[in-house]
PDB file of N, CA and C in Angstrom:
ATOM      1  N   MET A   1       0.761  -1.106   0.204  1.00  0.00           N
ATOM      2  CA  MET A   1      -0.018   0.022   0.132  1.00  0.00           C
ATOM      3  C   MET A   1       1.028   1.175   0.059  1.00  0.00           C
ATOM      4  N   SER A   2       0.516   2.207  -0.740  1.00  0.00           N
ATOM      5  CA  SER A   2       1.378   3.397  -0.903  1.00  0.00           C
ATOM      6  C   SER A   2       0.756   4.477   0.054  1.00  0.00           C
ATOM      7  N   CYS A   3       1.581   5.522   0.443  1.00  0.00           N
ATOM      8  CA  CYS A   3       0.971   6.576   0.863  1.00  0.00           C
ATOM      9  C   CYS A   3       0.522   7.597   0.289  1.00  0.00           C
ATOM     10  N   PHE A   4      -0.654   8.237   0.670  1.00  0.00           N
ATOM     11  CA  PHE A   4      -1.370   9.294  -0.262  1.00  0.00           C
ATOM     12  C   PHE A   4      -0.199  10.747  -0.379  1.00  0.00           C
ATOM     13  N   PHE A   5       0.597  10.723   0.552  1.00  0.00           N
ATOM     14  CA  PHE A   5       1.558  11.992   0.535  1.00  0.00           C
ATOM     15  C   PHE A   5       2.626  11.585  -0.240  1.00  0.00           C
ATOM     16  N   HIS A   6       2.885  10.394  -0.476  1.00  0.00           N
ATOM     17  CA  HIS A   6       4.244   9.958  -1.319  1.00  0.00           C
ATOM     18  C   HIS A   6       3.979   8.711  -1.751  1.00  0.00           C
ATOM     19  N   PRO A   7       3.628   8.400  -3.083  1.00  0.00           N
ATOM     20  CA  PRO A   7       3.134   6.878  -3.543  1.00  0.00           C
ATOM     21  C   PRO A   7       4.355   5.837  -3.578  1.00  0.00           C
ATOM     22  N   GLN A   8       5.446   6.315  -3.633  1.00  0.00           N
ATOM     23  CA  GLN A   8       6.664   5.367  -3.629  1.00  0.00           C
ATOM     24  C   GLN A   8       6.745   4.659  -2.265  1.00  0.00           C
ATOM     25  N   LEU A   9       6.251   5.267  -1.141  1.00  0.00           N
ATOM     26  CA  LEU A   9       6.652   4.545   0.366  1.00  0.00           C
ATOM     27  C   LEU A   9       5.460   3.726   0.812  1.00  0.00           C
ATOM     28  N   ASP A  10       6.044   2.808   1.443  1.00  0.00           N
ATOM     29  CA  ASP A  10       5.172   1.880   2.051  1.00  0.00           C
ATOM     30  C   ASP A  10       4.754   2.313   3.511  1.00  0.00           C
ATOM     31  N   CYS A  11       3.539   2.282   3.608  1.00  0.00           N
ATOM     32  CA  CYS A  11       2.814   2.582   4.805  1.00  0.00           C
ATOM     33  C   CYS A  11       2.093   1.365   5.586  1.00  0.00           C
ATOM     34  N   PRO A  12       2.266   1.559   6.981  1.00  0.00           N
ATOM     35  CA  PRO A  12       1.474   0.478   7.402  1.00  0.00           C
ATOM     36  C   PRO A  12      -0.209   0.552   7.031  1.00  0.00           C
ATOM     37  N   PRO A  13      -0.819  -0.703   7.297  1.00  0.00           N
ATOM     38  CA  PRO A  13      -2.245  -0.862   6.942  1.00  0.00           C
ATOM     39  C   PRO A  13      -2.996   0.184   7.679  1.00  0.00           C
ATOM     40  N   VAL A  14      -3.872   0.633   7.017  1.00  0.00           N
ATOM     41  CA  VAL A  14      -4.988   1.508   7.714  1.00  0.00           C
ATOM     42  C   VAL A  14      -5.313   1.409   9.242  1.00  0.00           C
ATOM     43  N   GLY A  15      -5.605   0.189   9.284  1.00  0.00           N
ATOM     44  CA  GLY A  15      -6.239  -0.154  10.794  1.00  0.00           C
ATOM     45  C   GLY A  15      -5.049  -0.423  11.638  1.00  0.00           C
ATOM     46  N   SER A  16      -3.641  -0.280  11.276  1.00  0.00           N
ATOM     47  CA  SER A  16      -2.942  -0.986  12.251  1.00  0.00           C
ATOM     48  C   SER A  16      -2.470   0.014  13.374  1.00  0.00           C
ATOM     49  N   CYS A  17      -2.541   1.441  13.034  1.00  0.00           N
ATOM     50  CA  CYS A  17      -2.327   2.471  13.873  1.00  0.00           C
ATOM     51  C   CYS A  17      -3.488   2.362  14.878  1.00  0.00           C
ATOM     52  N   LEU A  18      -4.585   2.304  14.627  1.00  0.00           N
ATOM     53  CA  LEU A  18      -5.736   2.083  15.586  1.00  0.00           C
ATOM     54  C   LEU A  18      -5.358   0.894  16.486  1.00  0.00           C
ATOM     55  N   ALA A  19      -5.144  -0.224  15.876  1.00  0.00           N
ATOM     56  CA  ALA A  19      -4.952  -1.437  16.608  1.00  0.00           C
ATOM     57  C   ALA A  19      -3.777  -1.067  17.584  1.00  0.00           C
ATOM     58  N   ALA A  20      -2.668  -0.540  16.950  1.00  0.00           N
ATOM     59  CA  ALA A  20      -1.653  -0.422  17.980  1.00  0.00           C
ATOM     60  C   ALA A  20      -2.123   0.655  19.418  1.00  0.00           C
ATOM     61  N   VAL A  21      -2.766   1.579  18.932  1.00  0.00           N
ATOM     62  CA  VAL A  21      -3.143   2.627  20.002  1.00  0.00           C
ATOM     63  C   VAL A  21      -4.157   1.664  21.063  1.00  0.00           C
ATOM     64  N   GLU A  22      -5.204   0.989  20.404  1.00  0.00           N
ATOM     65  CA  GLU A  22      -5.964   0.132  21.181  1.00  0.00           C
ATOM     66  C   GLU A  22      -5.133  -0.933  22.236  1.00  0.00           C
ATOM     67  N   LYS A  23      -4.182  -1.410  21.501  1.00  0.00           N
ATOM     68  CA  LYS A  23      -3.348  -2.333  22.186  1.00  0.00           C
ATOM     69  C   LYS A  23      -2.617  -1.473  23.367  1.00  0.00           C
ATOM     70  N   ALA A  24      -1.872  -0.482  23.164  1.00  0.00           N
ATOM     71  CA  ALA A  24      -1.298  -0.005  24.125  1.00  0.00           C
ATOM     72  C   ALA A  24      -2.076   0.705  25.206  1.00  0.00           C
ATOM     73  N   VAL A  25      -3.418   1.136  24.981  1.00  0.00           N
ATOM     74  CA  VAL A  25      -4.371   1.626  26.055  1.00  0.00           C
ATOM     75  C   VAL A  25      -4.659   0.179  26.805  1.00  0.00           C
ATOM     76  N   ALA A  26      -4.948  -1.044  26.121  1.00  0.00           N
ATOM     77  CA  ALA A  26      -5.258  -1.941  26.965  1.00  0.00           C
ATOM     78  C   ALA A  26      -4.250  -2.737  27.878  1.00  0.00           C
ATOM     79  N   GLU A  27      -2.940  -2.284  27.347  1.00  0.00           N
ATOM     80  CA  GLU A  27      -1.928  -3.180  28.033  1.00  0.00           C
ATOM     81  C   GLU A  27      -0.961  -1.998  28.740  1.00  0.00           C
ATOM     82  N   THR A  28      -1.415  -0.958  29.085  1.00  0.00           N
ATOM     83  CA  THR A  28      -0.861  -0.019  29.909  1.00  0.00           C
ATOM     84  C   THR A  28      -1.120  -0.307  31.444  1.00  0.00           C
ATOM     85  N   ASP A  29       0.111  -0.728  32.044  1.00  0.00           N
ATOM     86  CA  ASP A  29       0.239  -0.988  33.469  1.00  0.00           C
ATOM     87  C   ASP A  29       0.720   0.080  34.200  1.00  0.00           C
ATOM     88  N   VAL A  30       0.143   0.790  35.137  1.00  0.00           N
ATOM     89  CA  VAL A  30       0.345   1.988  35.676  1.00  0.00           C
ATOM     90  C   VAL A  30       1.564   1.768  36.412  1.00  0.00           C
ATOM     91  N   ALA A  31       1.863   0.408  37.214  1.00  0.00           N
ATOM     92  CA  ALA A  31       3.104   0.280  38.033  1.00  0.00           C
ATOM     93  C   ALA A  31       4.298  -0.149  37.074  1.00  0.00           C
ATOM     94  N   ALA A  32       4.384  -0.371  35.647  1.00  0.00           N
ATOM     95  CA  ALA A  32       5.171  -0.773  35.014  1.00  0.00           C
ATOM     96  C   ALA A  32       5.653   0.173  33.922  1.00  0.00           C
ATOM     97  N   VAL A  33       5.425   1.305  34.189  1.00  0.00           N
ATOM     98  CA  VAL A  33       5.604   2.548  33.117  1.00  0.00           C
ATOM     99  C   VAL A  33       6.727   3.521  33.556  1.00  0.00           C
ATOM    100  N   LEU A  34       7.435   4.137  32.652  1.00  0.00           N
ATOM    101  CA  LEU A  34       8.234   5.151  33.020  1.00  0.00           C
ATOM    102  C   LEU A  34       7.321   6.219  33.614  1.00  0.00           C
ATOM    103  N   PRO A  35       8.157   7.148  34.778  1.00  0.00           N
ATOM    104  CA  PRO A  35       7.269   8.374  35.020  1.00  0.00           C
ATOM    105  C   PRO A  35       7.217   9.291  33.886  1.00  0.00           C
ATOM    106  N   LEU A  36       6.264  10.087  34.176  1.00  0.00           N
ATOM    107  CA  LEU A  36       5.774  10.906  33.039  1.00  0.00           C
ATOM    108  C   LEU A  36       6.693  11.749  32.615  1.00  0.00           C
ATOM    109  N   GLY A  37       7.541  12.150  33.414  1.00  0.00           N
ATOM    110  CA  GLY A  37       8.583  13.251  33.350  1.00  0.00           C
ATOM    111  C   GLY A  37       9.622  12.589  32.065  1.00  0.00           C
ATOM    112  N   ARG A  38       9.889  11.518  32.362  1.00  0.00           N
ATOM    113  CA  ARG A  38      10.833  10.830  31.646  1.00  0.00           C
ATOM    114  C   ARG A  38      10.246  10.451  30.262  1.00  0.00           C
ATOM    115  N   GLN A  39       9.000  10.191  30.165  1.00  0.00           N
ATOM    116  CA  GLN A  39       8.278  10.062  29.012  1.00  0.00           C
ATOM    117  C   GLN A  39       8.297  11.312  28.243  1.00  0.00           C
ATOM    118  N   HIS A  40       8.181  12.592  28.905  1.00  0.00           N
ATOM    119  CA  HIS A  40       8.346  13.811  28.189  1.00  0.00           C
ATOM    120  C   HIS A  40       9.358  14.057  27.661  1.00  0.00           C
ATOM    121  N   SER A  41      10.687  13.710  28.478  1.00  0.00           N
ATOM    122  CA  SER A  41      11.880  13.682  27.846  1.00  0.00           C
ATOM    123  C   SER A  41      12.282  13.129  26.511  1.00  0.00           C
ATOM    124  N   LEU A  42      11.819  11.643  26.594  1.00  0.00           N
ATOM    125  CA  LEU A  42      11.702  11.018  25.435  1.00  0.00           C
ATOM    126  C   LEU A  42      11.006  11.726  23.934  1.00  0.00           C
ATOM    127  N   LEU A  43       9.913  12.098  24.387  1.00  0.00           N
ATOM    128  CA  LEU A  43       9.215  12.868  23.388  1.00  0.00           C
ATOM    129  C   LEU A  43       9.974  14.307  22.882  1.00  0.00           C
ATOM    130  N   ASN A  44      10.841  14.792  23.699  1.00  0.00           N
ATOM    131  CA  ASN A  44      11.601  15.932  23.168  1.00  0.00           C
ATOM    132  C   ASN A  44      12.773  15.352  22.311  1.00  0.00           C
ATOM    133  N   ILE A  45      13.350  14.271  22.863  1.00  0.00           N
ATOM    134  CA  ILE A  45      14.492  13.618  21.900  1.00  0.00           C
ATOM    135  C   ILE A  45      13.887  13.330  20.717  1.00  0.00           C
ATOM    136  N   ILE A  46      12.632  12.759  20.648  1.00  0.00           N
ATOM    137  CA  ILE A  46      12.055  12.329  19.163  1.00  0.00           C
ATOM    138  C   ILE A  46      12.091  13.556  18.418  1.00  0.00           C
ATOM    139  N   ASN A  47      11.339  14.712  19.164  1.00  0.00           N
ATOM    140  CA  ASN A  47      11.354  15.985  18.376  1.00  0.00           C
ATOM    141  C   ASN A  47      12.720  16.448  17.939  1.00  0.00           C
ATOM    142  N   VAL A  48      13.697  16.380  18.699  1.00  0.00           N
ATOM    143  CA  VAL A  48      15.054  17.141  18.110  1.00  0.00           C
ATOM    144  C   VAL A  48      15.655  16.052  17.080  1.00  0.00           C
ATOM    145  N   LEU A  49      15.227  14.834  16.996  1.00  0.00           N
ATOM    146  CA  LEU A  49      15.704  14.102  15.878  1.00  0.00           C
ATOM    147  C   LEU A  49      14.914  14.296  14.791  1.00  0.00           C
ATOM    148  N   ILE A  50      13.508  14.590  14.694  1.00  0.00           N
ATOM    149  CA  ILE A  50      12.915  14.855  13.532  1.00  0.00           C
ATOM    150  C   ILE A  50      13.344  16.286  12.913  1.00  0.00           C
ATOM    151  N   GLN A  51      13.785  17.026  13.752  1.00  0.00           N
ATOM    152  CA  GLN A  51      14.142  18.366  13.240  1.00  0.00           C
ATOM    153  C   GLN A  51      15.428  18.398  12.768  1.00  0.00           C
ATOM    154  N   LYS A  52      16.523  17.618  13.211  1.00  0.00           N
ATOM    155  CA  LYS A  52      17.944  17.542  12.839  1.00  0.00           C
ATOM    156  C   LYS A  52      17.864  16.514  11.434  1.00  0.00           C
ATOM    157  N   LEU A  53      17.315  15.683  11.453  1.00  0.00           N
ATOM    158  CA  LEU A  53      17.140  14.620  10.377  1.00  0.00           C
ATOM    159  C   LEU A  53      16.393  15.329   9.021  1.00  0.00           C
ATOM    160  N   GLY A  54      15.524  16.066   9.282  1.00  0.00           N
ATOM    161  CA  GLY A  54      14.291  16.796   8.407  1.00  0.00           C
ATOM    162  C   GLY A  54      13.856  15.772   7.300  1.00  0.00           C
ATOM    163  N   HIS A  55      14.533  15.782   6.280  1.00  0.00           N
ATOM    164  CA  HIS A  55      13.864  15.184   5.151  1.00  0.00           C
ATOM    165  C   HIS A  55      14.341  13.696   4.883  1.00  0.00           C
ATOM    166  N   LEU A  56      15.567  13.438   5.926  1.00  0.00           N
ATOM    167  CA  LEU A  56      16.037  12.061   5.716  1.00  0.00           C
ATOM    168  C   LEU A  56      15.035  11.025   6.509  1.00  0.00           C
ATOM    169  N   ILE A  57      14.199  11.584   7.399  1.00  0.00           N
ATOM    170  CA  ILE A  57      13.541  10.747   8.019  1.00  0.00           C
ATOM    171  C   ILE A  57      12.157  10.523   7.367  1.00  0.00           C
ATOM    172  N   HIS A  58      11.703  11.067   6.328  1.00  0.00           N
ATOM    173  CA  HIS A  58      10.552  10.838   5.726  1.00  0.00           C
ATOM    174  C   HIS A  58      10.171   9.552   5.550  1.00  0.00           C
ATOM    175  N   ILE A  59      11.219   8.582   5.170  1.00  0.00           N
ATOM    176  CA  ILE A  59      10.644   7.193   5.001  1.00  0.00           C
ATOM    177  C   ILE A  59       9.996   6.500   6.284  1.00  0.00           C
ATOM    178  N   TYR A  60      10.606   7.186   7.376  1.00  0.00           N
ATOM    179  CA  TYR A  60      10.061   6.404   8.826  1.00  0.00           C
ATOM    180  C   TYR A  60       9.230   7.279   9.416  1.00  0.00           C
ATOM    181  N   LEU A  61       8.643   8.149   8.645  1.00  0.00           N
ATOM    182  CA  LEU A  61       7.330   8.939   9.387  1.00  0.00           C
ATOM    183  C   LEU A  61       6.317   8.213   9.735  1.00  0.00           C
ATOM    184  N   PRO A  62       5.676   7.070   8.876  1.00  0.00           N
ATOM    185  CA  PRO A  62       4.391   6.336   9.268  1.00  0.00           C
ATOM    186  C   PRO A  62       4.625   5.745  10.642  1.00  0.00           C
ATOM    187  N   LYS A  63       5.853   5.090  10.683  1.00  0.00           N
ATOM    188  CA  LYS A  63       6.298   4.361  12.089  1.00  0.00           C
ATOM    189  C   LYS A  63       6.361   5.158  13.233  1.00  0.00           C
ATOM    190  N   VAL A  64       7.045   6.549  12.902  1.00  0.00           N
ATOM    191  CA  VAL A  64       7.367   7.389  13.773  1.00  0.00           C
ATOM    192  C   VAL A  64       5.880   7.999  14.365  1.00  0.00           C
ATOM    193  N   LEU A  65       4.755   8.139  13.599  1.00  0.00           N
ATOM    194  CA  LEU A  65       3.781   8.599  13.881  1.00  0.00           C
ATOM    195  C   LEU A  65       2.944   7.422  14.784  1.00  0.00           C
ATOM    196  N   GLN A  66       2.996   6.144  14.424  1.00  0.00           N
ATOM    197  CA  GLN A  66       2.297   5.169  15.264  1.00  0.00           C
ATOM    198  C   GLN A  66       2.826   5.305  16.457  1.00  0.00           C
ATOM    199  N   ILE A  67       4.249   5.263  16.787  1.00  0.00           N
ATOM    200  CA  ILE A  67       5.142   5.093  17.814  1.00  0.00           C
ATOM    201  C   ILE A  67       4.339   6.341  18.980  1.00  0.00           C
ATOM    202  N   LEU A  68       4.259   7.671  18.183  1.00  0.00           N
ATOM    203  CA  LEU A  68       4.124   8.694  19.006  1.00  0.00           C
ATOM    204  C   LEU A  68       2.371   8.606  19.398  1.00  0.00           C
ATOM    205  N   LEU A  69       1.616   8.101  18.728  1.00  0.00           N
ATOM    206  CA  LEU A  69       0.274   7.849  18.769  1.00  0.00           C
ATOM    207  C   LEU A  69       0.012   6.776  19.991  1.00  0.00           C
ATOM    208  N   CYS A  70       0.946   5.892  20.085  1.00  0.00           N
ATOM    209  CA  CYS A  70       0.862   4.762  21.128  1.00  0.00           C
ATOM    210  C   CYS A  70       1.280   5.417  22.434  1.00  0.00           C
ATOM    211  N   VAL A  71       2.500   6.145  22.435  1.00  0.00           N
ATOM    212  CA  VAL A  71       2.954   6.972  23.665  1.00  0.00           C
ATOM    213  C   VAL A  71       1.791   7.975  24.133  1.00  0.00           C
ATOM    214  N   THR A  72       1.180   8.719  22.957  1.00  0.00           N
ATOM    215  CA  THR A  72       0.390   9.451  23.839  1.00  0.00           C
ATOM    216  C   THR A  72      -1.053   8.813  24.193  1.00  0.00           C
ATOM    217  N   ALA A  73      -1.437   7.622  23.814  1.00  0.00           N
ATOM    218  CA  ALA A  73      -2.487   7.000  24.288  1.00  0.00           C
ATOM    219  C   ALA A  73      -2.118   6.490  25.691  1.00  0.00           C
ATOM    220  N   SER A  74      -1.102   5.905  25.637  1.00  0.00           N
ATOM    221  CA  SER A  74      -0.334   5.564  27.229  1.00  0.00           C
ATOM    222  C   SER A  74      -0.349   6.712  28.189  1.00  0.00           C
ATOM    223  N   VAL A  75       0.017   7.659  27.765  1.00  0.00           N
ATOM    224  CA  VAL A  75       0.181   8.785  28.632  1.00  0.00           C
ATOM    225  C   VAL A  75      -1.123   9.212  29.193  1.00  0.00           C
ATOM    226  N   SER A  76      -2.426   8.964  28.220  1.00  0.00           N
ATOM    227  CA  SER A  76      -3.459   9.969  28.464  1.00  0.00           C
ATOM    228  C   SER A  76      -4.112   8.899  29.068  1.00  0.00           C
ATOM    229  N   THR A  77      -3.952   7.274  29.158  1.00  0.00           N
ATOM    230  CA  THR A  77      -4.524   6.350  30.092  1.00  0.00           C
ATOM    231  C   THR A  77      -4.009   6.639  31.478  1.00  0.00           C
ATOM    232  N   LEU A  78      -2.606   6.695  31.530  1.00  0.00           N
ATOM    233  CA  LEU A  78      -1.911   7.013  32.987  1.00  0.00           C
ATOM    234  C   LEU A  78      -2.516   8.261  33.501  1.00  0.00           C
ATOM    235  N   LEU A  79      -2.972   9.250  32.831  1.00  0.00           N
ATOM    236  CA  LEU A  79      -3.464  10.356  33.621  1.00  0.00           C
ATOM    237  C   LEU A  79      -4.874  10.363  33.927  1.00  0.00           C
ATOM    238  N   ASP A  80      -5.680   9.531  33.047  1.00  0.00           N
ATOM    239  CA  ASP A  80      -6.952   9.088  33.609  1.00  0.00           C
ATOM    240  C   ASP A  80      -6.949   8.369  34.476  1.00  0.00           C
ATOM    241  N   ASN A  81      -6.094   7.622  34.987  1.00  0.00           N
ATOM    242  CA  ASN A  81      -6.043   6.468  36.133  1.00  0.00           C
ATOM    243  C   ASN A  81      -5.521   7.493  37.449  1.00  0.00           C
ATOM    244  N   ARG A  82      -5.171   8.594  37.442  1.00  0.00           N
ATOM    245  CA  ARG A  82      -4.419   9.229  38.414  1.00  0.00           C
ATOM    246  C   ARG A  82      -5.428   9.207  39.557  1.00  0.00           C
TER     247      ARG A  82
END
């Protein structure tokens, strides 16, 4: 399957991001996760990587998006269960 923004790139199947997010929410264990401050630091590192690599990371953007969605879903679940 090709991406709508770049026809030569392979994207994960449409439902895979939703399935990954649902799995992240279902498997989030409050006692076994990194503290939210450290997760925030990891997100900042990903931001710096995206800024520094620029156009070189475009091949990996679908996977990076999926990772960011899963981290965001996990953090949201943690904050809801506080």
